[in-house]
């Protein structure tokens, strides 16, 4: 496995888990823990740099994909 991807995965896990555990520890209430988990998940997902490429089917005949 690529060490850069592994390091990035650990970083994302730390970004999600540390704030969530801190909120759970200091508040003892799940009502604050779940929103922190969601917010930190968004932050962790934003640090990944994915190069997405548009996949286009050049052989398609219709705009809806049907062959009629």
PDB file of N, CA and C in Angstrom:
ATOM      1  N   UNK A   1       0.842  -1.178   0.000  1.00  0.00           N
ATOM      2  CA  UNK A   1       0.000   0.000   0.000  1.00  0.00           C
ATOM      3  C   UNK A   1       0.888   1.242   0.000  1.00  0.00           C
ATOM      4  N   UNK A   2       0.424   2.252  -0.641  1.00  0.00           N
ATOM      5  CA  UNK A   2       1.163   3.501  -0.745  1.00  0.00           C
ATOM      6  C   UNK A   2       1.218   4.189   0.626  1.00  0.00           C
ATOM      7  N   UNK A   3       2.416   4.550   1.071  1.00  0.00           N
ATOM      8  CA  UNK A   3       2.555   5.155   2.391  1.00  0.00           C
ATOM      9  C   UNK A   3       1.923   6.538   2.464  1.00  0.00           C
ATOM     10  N   UNK A   4       1.865   7.249   1.345  1.00  0.00           N
ATOM     11  CA  UNK A   4       1.227   8.564   1.341  1.00  0.00           C
ATOM     12  C   UNK A   4      -0.270   8.437   1.598  1.00  0.00           C
ATOM     13  N   UNK A   5      -0.896   7.438   0.989  1.00  0.00           N
ATOM     14  CA  UNK A   5      -2.332   7.220   1.212  1.00  0.00           C
ATOM     15  C   UNK A   5      -2.596   6.756   2.638  1.00  0.00           C
ATOM     16  N   UNK A   6      -1.708   5.930   3.169  1.00  0.00           N
ATOM     17  CA  UNK A   6      -1.855   5.450   4.532  1.00  0.00           C
ATOM     18  C   UNK A   6      -1.709   6.602   5.523  1.00  0.00           C
ATOM     19  N   UNK A   7      -0.730   7.454   5.295  1.00  0.00           N
ATOM     20  CA  UNK A   7      -0.530   8.621   6.155  1.00  0.00           C
ATOM     21  C   UNK A   7      -1.734   9.558   6.089  1.00  0.00           C
ATOM     22  N   UNK A   8      -2.282   9.739   4.890  1.00  0.00           N
ATOM     23  CA  UNK A   8      -3.448  10.594   4.730  1.00  0.00           C
ATOM     24  C   UNK A   8      -4.656   9.990   5.445  1.00  0.00           C
ATOM     25  N   UNK A   9      -4.791   8.684   5.403  1.00  0.00           N
ATOM     26  CA  UNK A   9      -5.883   8.024   6.106  1.00  0.00           C
ATOM     27  C   UNK A   9      -5.787   8.190   7.609  1.00  0.00           C
ATOM     28  N   UNK A  10      -4.578   8.073   8.142  1.00  0.00           N
ATOM     29  CA  UNK A  10      -4.379   8.290   9.573  1.00  0.00           C
ATOM     30  C   UNK A  10      -4.663   9.739   9.951  1.00  0.00           C
ATOM     31  N   UNK A  11      -4.262  10.659   9.117  1.00  0.00           N
ATOM     32  CA  UNK A  11      -4.537  12.070   9.383  1.00  0.00           C
ATOM     33  C   UNK A  11      -6.039  12.335   9.394  1.00  0.00           C
ATOM     34  N   UNK A  12      -6.752  11.770   8.441  1.00  0.00           N
ATOM     35  CA  UNK A  12      -8.201  11.942   8.405  1.00  0.00           C
ATOM     36  C   UNK A  12      -8.858  11.319   9.633  1.00  0.00           C
ATOM     37  N   UNK A  13      -8.359  10.170  10.059  1.00  0.00           N
ATOM     38  CA  UNK A  13      -8.906   9.531  11.258  1.00  0.00           C
ATOM     39  C   UNK A  13      -8.678  10.399  12.486  1.00  0.00           C
ATOM     40  N   UNK A  14      -7.499  10.992  12.595  1.00  0.00           N
ATOM     41  CA  UNK A  14      -7.202  11.860  13.740  1.00  0.00           C
ATOM     42  C   UNK A  14      -8.096  13.093  13.713  1.00  0.00           C
ATOM     43  N   UNK A  15      -8.301  13.668  12.531  1.00  0.00           N
ATOM     44  CA  UNK A  15      -9.154  14.856  12.407  1.00  0.00           C
ATOM     45  C   UNK A  15     -10.586  14.551  12.840  1.00  0.00           C
ATOM     46  N   UNK A  16     -11.050  13.351  12.576  1.00  0.00           N
ATOM     47  CA  UNK A  16     -12.415  12.980  12.945  1.00  0.00           C
ATOM     48  C   UNK A  16     -12.496  12.545  14.409  1.00  0.00           C
ATOM     49  N   UNK A  17     -11.579  11.705  14.842  1.00  0.00           N
ATOM     50  CA  UNK A  17     -11.729  11.067  16.146  1.00  0.00           C
ATOM     51  C   UNK A  17     -11.372  11.963  17.329  1.00  0.00           C
ATOM     52  N   UNK A  18     -10.328  12.752  17.209  1.00  0.00           N
ATOM     53  CA  UNK A  18      -9.902  13.562  18.351  1.00  0.00           C
ATOM     54  C   UNK A  18     -10.966  14.575  18.773  1.00  0.00           C
ATOM     55  N   UNK A  19     -11.498  15.405  17.880  1.00  0.00           N
ATOM     56  CA  UNK A  19     -12.548  16.335  18.334  1.00  0.00           C
ATOM     57  C   UNK A  19     -13.801  15.625  18.831  1.00  0.00           C
ATOM     58  N   UNK A  20     -14.154  14.520  18.189  1.00  0.00           N
ATOM     59  CA  UNK A  20     -15.353  13.793  18.599  1.00  0.00           C
ATOM     60  C   UNK A  20     -15.192  13.213  19.999  1.00  0.00           C
ATOM     61  N   UNK A  21     -14.045  12.603  20.278  1.00  0.00           N
ATOM     62  CA  UNK A  21     -13.808  12.059  21.614  1.00  0.00           C
ATOM     63  C   UNK A  21     -13.706  13.157  22.664  1.00  0.00           C
ATOM     64  N   UNK A  22     -13.113  14.281  22.306  1.00  0.00           N
ATOM     65  CA  UNK A  22     -13.025  15.390  23.260  1.00  0.00           C
ATOM     66  C   UNK A  22     -14.409  15.927  23.619  1.00  0.00           C
ATOM     67  N   UNK A  23     -15.267  16.084  22.631  1.00  0.00           N
ATOM     68  CA  UNK A  23     -16.628  16.552  22.899  1.00  0.00           C
ATOM     69  C   UNK A  23     -17.378  15.537  23.741  1.00  0.00           C
ATOM     70  N   UNK A  24     -17.229  14.259  23.432  1.00  0.00           N
ATOM     71  CA  UNK A  24     -17.911  13.222  24.212  1.00  0.00           C
ATOM     72  C   UNK A  24     -17.397  13.210  25.661  1.00  0.00           C
ATOM     73  N   UNK A  25     -16.112  13.375  25.844  1.00  0.00           N
ATOM     74  CA  UNK A  25     -15.520  13.332  27.175  1.00  0.00           C
ATOM     75  C   UNK A  25     -15.955  14.529  28.028  1.00  0.00           C
ATOM     76  N   UNK A  26     -15.912  15.724  27.443  1.00  0.00           N
ATOM     77  CA  UNK A  26     -16.191  16.920  28.231  1.00  0.00           C
ATOM     78  C   UNK A  26     -17.679  17.186  28.433  1.00  0.00           C
ATOM     79  N   UNK A  27     -18.537  16.743  27.527  1.00  0.00           N
ATOM     80  CA  UNK A  27     -19.959  17.045  27.659  1.00  0.00           C
ATOM     81  C   UNK A  27     -20.776  15.878  28.194  1.00  0.00           C
ATOM     82  N   UNK A  28     -20.331  14.656  27.971  1.00  0.00           N
ATOM     83  CA  UNK A  28     -21.089  13.454  28.361  1.00  0.00           C
ATOM     84  C   UNK A  28     -22.486  13.423  27.752  1.00  0.00           C
ATOM     85  N   UNK A  29     -22.641  14.073  26.607  1.00  0.00           N
ATOM     86  CA  UNK A  29     -23.946  14.097  25.931  1.00  0.00           C
ATOM     87  C   UNK A  29     -23.773  13.746  24.457  1.00  0.00           C
ATOM     88  N   UNK A  30     -24.555  12.798  23.999  1.00  0.00           N
ATOM     89  CA  UNK A  30     -24.483  12.359  22.608  1.00  0.00           C
ATOM     90  C   UNK A  30     -25.016  13.429  21.656  1.00  0.00           C
ATOM     91  N   UNK A  31     -25.858  14.308  22.144  1.00  0.00           N
ATOM     92  CA  UNK A  31     -26.459  15.331  21.290  1.00  0.00           C
ATOM     93  C   UNK A  31     -25.392  16.277  20.719  1.00  0.00           C
ATOM     94  N   UNK A  32     -24.272  16.425  21.388  1.00  0.00           N
ATOM     95  CA  UNK A  32     -23.190  17.258  20.873  1.00  0.00           C
ATOM     96  C   UNK A  32     -22.148  16.451  20.106  1.00  0.00           C
ATOM     97  N   UNK A  33     -22.077  15.171  20.373  1.00  0.00           N
ATOM     98  CA  UNK A  33     -21.064  14.324  19.754  1.00  0.00           C
ATOM     99  C   UNK A  33     -21.356  14.048  18.286  1.00  0.00           C
ATOM    100  N   UNK A  34     -22.597  13.763  17.955  1.00  0.00           N
ATOM    101  CA  UNK A  34     -22.954  13.425  16.571  1.00  0.00           C
ATOM    102  C   UNK A  34     -22.736  14.603  15.617  1.00  0.00           C
ATOM    103  N   UNK A  35     -23.151  15.834  15.948  1.00  0.00           N
ATOM    104  CA  UNK A  35     -22.831  16.952  15.041  1.00  0.00           C
ATOM    105  C   UNK A  35     -21.333  17.193  14.885  1.00  0.00           C
ATOM    106  N   UNK A  36     -20.558  16.985  15.949  1.00  0.00           N
ATOM    107  CA  UNK A  36     -19.105  17.136  15.835  1.00  0.00           C
ATOM    108  C   UNK A  36     -18.525  16.072  14.921  1.00  0.00           C
ATOM    109  N   UNK A  37     -19.051  14.861  14.993  1.00  0.00           N
ATOM    110  CA  UNK A  37     -18.611  13.782  14.116  1.00  0.00           C
ATOM    111  C   UNK A  37     -18.894  14.130  12.658  1.00  0.00           C
ATOM    112  N   UNK A  38     -20.071  14.663  12.384  1.00  0.00           N
ATOM    113  CA  UNK A  38     -20.422  15.039  11.011  1.00  0.00           C
ATOM    114  C   UNK A  38     -19.547  16.187  10.509  1.00  0.00           C
ATOM    115  N   UNK A  39     -19.364  17.203  11.325  1.00  0.00           N
ATOM    116  CA  UNK A  39     -18.574  18.366  10.908  1.00  0.00           C
ATOM    117  C   UNK A  39     -17.114  17.996  10.673  1.00  0.00           C
ATOM    118  N   UNK A  40     -16.552  17.206  11.566  1.00  0.00           N
ATOM    119  CA  UNK A  40     -15.152  16.836  11.393  1.00  0.00           C
ATOM    120  C   UNK A  40     -14.969  15.868  10.223  1.00  0.00           C
ATOM    121  N   UNK A  41     -15.998  15.110   9.903  1.00  0.00           N
ATOM    122  CA  UNK A  41     -15.931  14.234   8.718  1.00  0.00           C
ATOM    123  C   UNK A  41     -15.844  15.056   7.438  1.00  0.00           C
ATOM    124  N   UNK A  42     -16.591  16.146   7.376  1.00  0.00           N
ATOM    125  CA  UNK A  42     -16.503  17.027   6.209  1.00  0.00           C
ATOM    126  C   UNK A  42     -15.104  17.626   6.077  1.00  0.00           C
ATOM    127  N   UNK A  43     -14.542  18.040   7.176  1.00  0.00           N
ATOM    128  CA  UNK A  43     -13.198  18.626   7.156  1.00  0.00           C
ATOM    129  C   UNK A  43     -12.169  17.586   6.725  1.00  0.00           C
ATOM    130  N   UNK A  44     -12.284  16.383   7.257  1.00  0.00           N
ATOM    131  CA  UNK A  44     -11.342  15.320   6.903  1.00  0.00           C
ATOM    132  C   UNK A  44     -11.467  14.930   5.433  1.00  0.00           C
ATOM    133  N   UNK A  45     -12.679  14.923   4.910  1.00  0.00           N
ATOM    134  CA  UNK A  45     -12.880  14.570   3.506  1.00  0.00           C
ATOM    135  C   UNK A  45     -12.336  15.650   2.570  1.00  0.00           C
ATOM    136  N   UNK A  46     -12.284  16.882   3.032  1.00  0.00           N
ATOM    137  CA  UNK A  46     -11.826  17.968   2.166  1.00  0.00           C
ATOM    138  C   UNK A  46     -10.313  17.983   1.984  1.00  0.00           C
ATOM    139  N   UNK A  47      -9.564  17.283   2.825  1.00  0.00           N
ATOM    140  CA  UNK A  47      -8.113  17.325   2.674  1.00  0.00           C
ATOM    141  C   UNK A  47      -7.599  16.335   1.637  1.00  0.00           C
ATOM    142  N   UNK A  48      -8.454  15.437   1.194  1.00  0.00           N
ATOM    143  CA  UNK A  48      -7.989  14.489   0.177  1.00  0.00           C
ATOM    144  C   UNK A  48      -8.005  15.171  -1.184  1.00  0.00           C
ATOM    145  N   UNK A  49      -6.923  14.999  -1.915  1.00  0.00           N
ATOM    146  CA  UNK A  49      -6.822  15.628  -3.235  1.00  0.00           C
ATOM    147  C   UNK A  49      -6.993  14.550  -4.293  1.00  0.00           C
ATOM    148  N   UNK A  50      -8.203  14.403  -4.726  1.00  0.00           N
ATOM    149  CA  UNK A  50      -8.490  13.408  -5.753  1.00  0.00           C
ATOM    150  C   UNK A  50      -8.535  14.089  -7.111  1.00  0.00           C
ATOM    151  N   UNK A  51      -7.853  13.496  -8.045  1.00  0.00           N
ATOM    152  CA  UNK A  51      -7.923  13.993  -9.412  1.00  0.00           C
ATOM    153  C   UNK A  51      -8.990  13.188 -10.136  1.00  0.00           C
ATOM    154  N   UNK A  52     -10.162  13.784 -10.235  1.00  0.00           N
ATOM    155  CA  UNK A  52     -11.254  13.077 -10.891  1.00  0.00           C
ATOM    156  C   UNK A  52     -11.226  13.367 -12.378  1.00  0.00           C
ATOM    157  N   UNK A  53     -11.444  12.349 -13.142  1.00  0.00           N
ATOM    158  CA  UNK A  53     -11.495  12.494 -14.585  1.00  0.00           C
ATOM    159  C   UNK A  53     -12.890  12.132 -15.064  1.00  0.00           C
ATOM    160  N   UNK A  54     -13.399  12.920 -15.971  1.00  0.00           N
ATOM    161  CA  UNK A  54     -14.721  12.681 -16.517  1.00  0.00           C
ATOM    162  C   UNK A  54     -14.661  11.514 -17.485  1.00  0.00           C
ATOM    163  N   UNK A  55     -15.486  10.520 -17.232  1.00  0.00           N
ATOM    164  CA  UNK A  55     -15.526   9.364 -18.115  1.00  0.00           C
ATOM    165  C   UNK A  55     -16.690   9.537 -19.071  1.00  0.00           C
ATOM    166  N   UNK A  56     -16.378   9.603 -20.348  1.00  0.00           N
ATOM    167  CA  UNK A  56     -17.389   9.836 -21.369  1.00  0.00           C
ATOM    168  C   UNK A  56     -17.439   8.629 -22.288  1.00  0.00           C
ATOM    169  N   UNK A  57     -18.650   8.154 -22.539  1.00  0.00           N
ATOM    170  CA  UNK A  57     -18.847   7.043 -23.454  1.00  0.00           C
ATOM    171  C   UNK A  57     -19.057   7.629 -24.849  1.00  0.00           C
ATOM    172  N   UNK A  58     -18.029   7.564 -25.683  1.00  0.00           N
ATOM    173  CA  UNK A  58     -18.106   8.149 -27.015  1.00  0.00           C
ATOM    174  C   UNK A  58     -18.958   7.323 -27.974  1.00  0.00           C
ATOM    175  N   UNK A  59     -19.219   6.071 -27.628  1.00  0.00           N
ATOM    176  CA  UNK A  59     -19.970   5.200 -28.505  1.00  0.00           C
ATOM    177  C   UNK A  59     -21.476   5.252 -28.277  1.00  0.00           C
ATOM    178  N   UNK A  60     -21.935   6.039 -27.349  1.00  0.00           N
ATOM    179  CA  UNK A  60     -23.366   6.104 -27.050  1.00  0.00           C
ATOM    180  C   UNK A  60     -24.105   6.793 -28.198  1.00  0.00           C
ATOM    181  N   UNK A  61     -25.278   6.230 -28.559  1.00  0.00           N
ATOM    182  CA  UNK A  61     -26.047   6.792 -29.669  1.00  0.00           C
ATOM    183  C   UNK A  61     -27.146   7.740 -29.228  1.00  0.00           C
ATOM    184  N   UNK A  62     -27.754   7.478 -28.107  1.00  0.00           N
ATOM    185  CA  UNK A  62     -28.836   8.342 -27.639  1.00  0.00           C
ATOM    186  C   UNK A  62     -28.423   9.124 -26.424  1.00  0.00           C
ATOM    187  N   UNK A  63     -29.166  10.190 -26.133  1.00  0.00           N
ATOM    188  CA  UNK A  63     -28.820  10.992 -24.979  1.00  0.00           C
ATOM    189  C   UNK A  63     -29.248  10.338 -23.670  1.00  0.00           C
ATOM    190  N   UNK A  64     -30.252   9.443 -23.727  1.00  0.00           N
ATOM    191  CA  UNK A  64     -30.709   8.784 -22.514  1.00  0.00           C
ATOM    192  C   UNK A  64     -30.130   7.400 -22.328  1.00  0.00           C
ATOM    193  N   UNK A  65     -29.330   6.940 -23.252  1.00  0.00           N
ATOM    194  CA  UNK A  65     -28.678   5.659 -23.123  1.00  0.00           C
ATOM    195  C   UNK A  65     -29.455   4.490 -23.716  1.00  0.00           C
ATOM    196  N   UNK A  66     -30.666   4.748 -24.208  1.00  0.00           N
ATOM    197  CA  UNK A  66     -31.445   3.656 -24.792  1.00  0.00           C
ATOM    198  C   UNK A  66     -31.053   3.461 -26.251  1.00  0.00           C
ATOM    199  N   UNK A  67     -31.222   2.226 -26.754  1.00  0.00           N
ATOM    200  CA  UNK A  67     -30.841   1.902 -28.135  1.00  0.00           C
ATOM    201  C   UNK A  67     -32.060   1.790 -29.045  1.00  0.00           C
ATOM    202  N   UNK A  68     -33.030   2.637 -28.868  1.00  0.00           N
ATOM    203  CA  UNK A  68     -34.223   2.535 -29.717  1.00  0.00           C
ATOM    204  C   UNK A  68     -34.167   3.481 -30.888  1.00  0.00           C
TER     205      UNK A  68
END
